[in-house]
Protein backbone atom coordinates (compact mmCIF):
# COMPACT_ATOMS: atom_id res chain seq x y z
CA MET A 1 0.00 0.00 0.00
CA THR A 2 1.34 3.42 -0.89
CA ALA A 3 -0.16 6.86 -1.30
CA GLY A 4 1.14 10.33 -1.90
CA VAL A 5 1.46 13.27 -4.21
CA SER A 6 3.53 13.29 -7.38
CA SER A 7 3.94 15.65 -10.31
CA ALA A 8 0.98 13.80 -11.88
CA GLY A 9 -1.25 14.50 -8.84
CA ARG A 10 -2.53 12.57 -5.84
CA PHE A 11 -2.55 8.78 -5.82
CA SER A 12 -3.07 5.67 -3.73
CA GLU A 13 -2.01 2.21 -4.87
CA ARG A 14 -1.82 -1.31 -3.50
CA TYR A 15 0.64 -4.01 -4.46
CA GLN A 16 -0.68 -7.28 -5.95
CA PRO A 17 1.95 -9.97 -5.29
CA ALA A 18 0.33 -12.45 -7.69
CA THR A 19 0.77 -10.09 -10.66
CA GLY A 20 3.63 -7.88 -9.47
CA GLN A 21 1.46 -4.84 -10.31
CA TRP A 22 0.44 -1.67 -8.41
CA PRO A 23 -3.21 -0.94 -9.32
CA ALA A 24 -5.00 2.16 -8.05
CA ALA A 25 -6.72 1.86 -4.68
CA THR A 26 -9.99 3.35 -5.91
CA GLY A 27 -12.41 5.09 -3.62
CA GLY A 28 -9.55 6.14 -1.41
CA LEU A 29 -6.87 8.67 -0.79
CA GLY A 30 -6.76 9.69 -4.43
CA ALA A 31 -9.87 11.78 -3.86
CA CYS A 32 -8.35 13.70 -0.93
CA SER A 33 -11.82 14.73 0.18
CA SER A 34 -12.35 16.36 3.55
CA VAL A 35 -12.89 12.90 5.07
CA ARG A 36 -9.94 11.22 3.39
CA GLU A 37 -7.16 13.74 3.79
CA CYS A 38 -3.98 13.74 1.78
CA ARG A 39 -1.13 13.13 4.17
CA CYS A 40 2.53 12.21 4.49
CA GLY A 41 4.51 10.76 7.38
CA SER A 42 1.68 8.45 8.42
CA SER A 43 1.99 4.81 9.41
CA ALA A 44 0.30 1.96 7.53
CA THR A 45 -0.13 -1.36 9.33
CA LEU A 46 -1.75 -4.58 8.13
CA LEU A 47 -4.20 -5.73 10.81
CA GLY A 48 -5.23 -9.30 11.53
CA THR A 49 -8.62 -8.47 10.00
CA GLY A 50 -6.94 -7.99 6.61
CA GLU A 51 -7.54 -4.24 6.71
CA VAL A 52 -4.74 -1.66 6.63
CA LEU A 53 -4.79 1.02 9.34
CA VAL A 54 -3.31 4.35 8.20
CA ALA A 55 -2.78 6.60 11.23
CA GLY A 56 -1.50 10.11 11.82
CA GLY A 57 0.79 11.96 9.47
CA MET A 58 0.95 15.52 8.25
CA THR A 59 -2.00 17.13 6.49
CA GLY A 60 -2.49 20.57 4.97
CA LEU A 61 0.47 20.00 2.72
CA TYR A 62 -0.30 22.99 0.50
CA SER A 63 -1.51 25.55 3.02
CA SER A 64 -1.24 25.06 6.77
CA PRO A 65 0.78 21.89 7.47
CA GLY A 66 0.32 20.10 10.76
CA SER A 67 0.25 16.62 12.19
CA THR A 68 -3.14 14.95 12.60
CA THR A 69 -4.96 12.63 14.99
CA SER A 70 -7.05 11.08 12.23
CA ALA A 71 -6.94 7.45 11.13
CA MET A 72 -8.43 5.49 8.23
CA LEU A 73 -8.97 1.83 7.41
CA TYR A 74 -8.41 0.44 3.94
CA ASP A 75 -10.28 -2.75 3.02
CA PRO A 76 -8.44 -4.48 0.16
CA ALA A 77 -11.46 -6.72 -0.51
CA THR A 78 -13.61 -3.72 -1.46
CA SER A 79 -10.82 -1.25 -2.30
CA ALA A 80 -12.55 1.25 -0.01
CA TRP A 81 -11.35 3.64 2.68
CA THR A 82 -13.35 4.38 5.85
CA VAL A 83 -12.68 6.76 8.69
CA THR A 84 -12.00 5.20 12.08
CA GLY A 85 -11.49 6.73 15.52
CA PRO A 86 -8.78 9.33 15.99
CA MET A 87 -5.69 9.00 18.10
CA SER A 88 -5.73 10.97 21.35
CA GLY A 89 -2.95 13.25 20.12
CA ASP A 90 -1.60 14.36 16.78
CA ARG A 91 1.56 12.65 15.54
CA GLU A 92 3.57 11.87 12.43
CA ASN A 93 6.59 9.70 11.64
CA GLN A 94 5.59 7.36 14.45
CA THR A 95 6.16 3.63 14.70
CA ALA A 96 3.17 1.32 14.40
CA ASN A 97 3.51 -2.32 15.34
CA LEU A 98 0.96 -5.11 15.32
CA LEU A 99 1.06 -6.96 18.64
CA PRO A 100 0.44 -10.72 19.04
CA ASN A 101 -2.95 -9.99 20.68
CA GLY A 102 -4.16 -8.14 17.53
CA GLN A 103 -3.80 -4.64 18.95
CA MET A 104 -1.62 -2.08 17.24
CA LEU A 105 0.91 -0.06 19.25
CA VAL A 106 1.59 3.45 17.95
CA ALA A 107 4.57 5.12 19.62
CA GLY A 108 6.84 8.13 19.33
CA GLY A 109 7.01 10.39 16.33
CA VAL A 110 6.60 14.14 16.40
CA SER A 111 3.80 16.63 16.80
CA PHE A 112 4.09 19.38 14.20
CA ARG A 113 2.12 22.58 14.92
CA ASN A 114 2.74 26.18 13.92
CA HIS A 115 5.91 25.13 12.07
CA VAL A 116 7.41 23.62 15.25
CA ALA A 117 8.21 19.90 15.57
CA THR A 118 7.98 18.49 19.11
CA PRO A 119 9.32 14.95 19.71
CA LEU A 120 6.80 12.67 21.41
CA ALA A 121 7.51 10.16 24.19
CA SER A 122 4.02 8.66 24.28
CA ALA A 123 2.20 5.61 22.96
CA GLU A 124 -1.35 4.55 22.09
CA LEU A 125 -3.10 1.24 21.45
CA TYR A 126 -5.62 0.57 18.68
CA THR A 127 -7.91 -2.42 19.14
CA PRO A 128 -9.80 -3.67 16.09
CA LEU A 129 -12.94 -5.63 16.90
CA ALA A 130 -13.65 -8.87 15.08
CA ALA A 131 -17.21 -7.94 14.10
CA GLY A 132 -19.09 -4.74 13.41
CA PRO A 133 -17.99 -1.23 12.52
CA VAL A 134 -17.09 -0.17 16.08
CA ARG A 135 -13.49 -0.13 17.13
CA SER A 136 -11.83 1.06 20.32
CA ALA A 137 -8.77 3.16 20.98
CA GLN A 138 -6.75 3.46 24.17
CA THR A 139 -4.02 5.81 25.25
CA ALA A 140 -1.28 4.30 27.36
CA GLY A 141 -2.31 4.82 30.96
CA GLN A 142 -5.95 5.52 30.06
CA VAL A 143 -8.79 3.22 29.19
CA GLY A 144 -11.59 4.45 26.98
CA ARG A 145 -13.97 3.29 24.34
CA ARG A 146 -14.81 5.44 21.37
CA PRO A 147 -17.41 4.69 18.73
CA LEU A 148 -15.74 5.15 15.37
């Protein structure tokens, strides 16, 4: 999975190992609508559900750049992007690791606001649920449930 901005415009693509090709990930980041923001410096992690969680990054690339709390799920079966719950704090260039229990640990990175980058020494957990559209998010040291 890759997405970005090139001289040809915005794009999102996914790799097909069987064919060695990179077809467009339609219905996704390519639109850069207000819901599906264009971003850089985000993490993309394959979840046990088969979805890809894209979290954080920098948005406002052309006007007012800043790191974001937003996250999106990509479903390769439908080639569709959906918004999921935000992180508790904005971050970019973070690590994102799938844990053996199915949760995803997001740690570190930087918060970029008003043209100032602040290193982060914090972590968050993302917990995908096996069924239904609701997912939960936790911040290290806090327990909470958010409908997404």
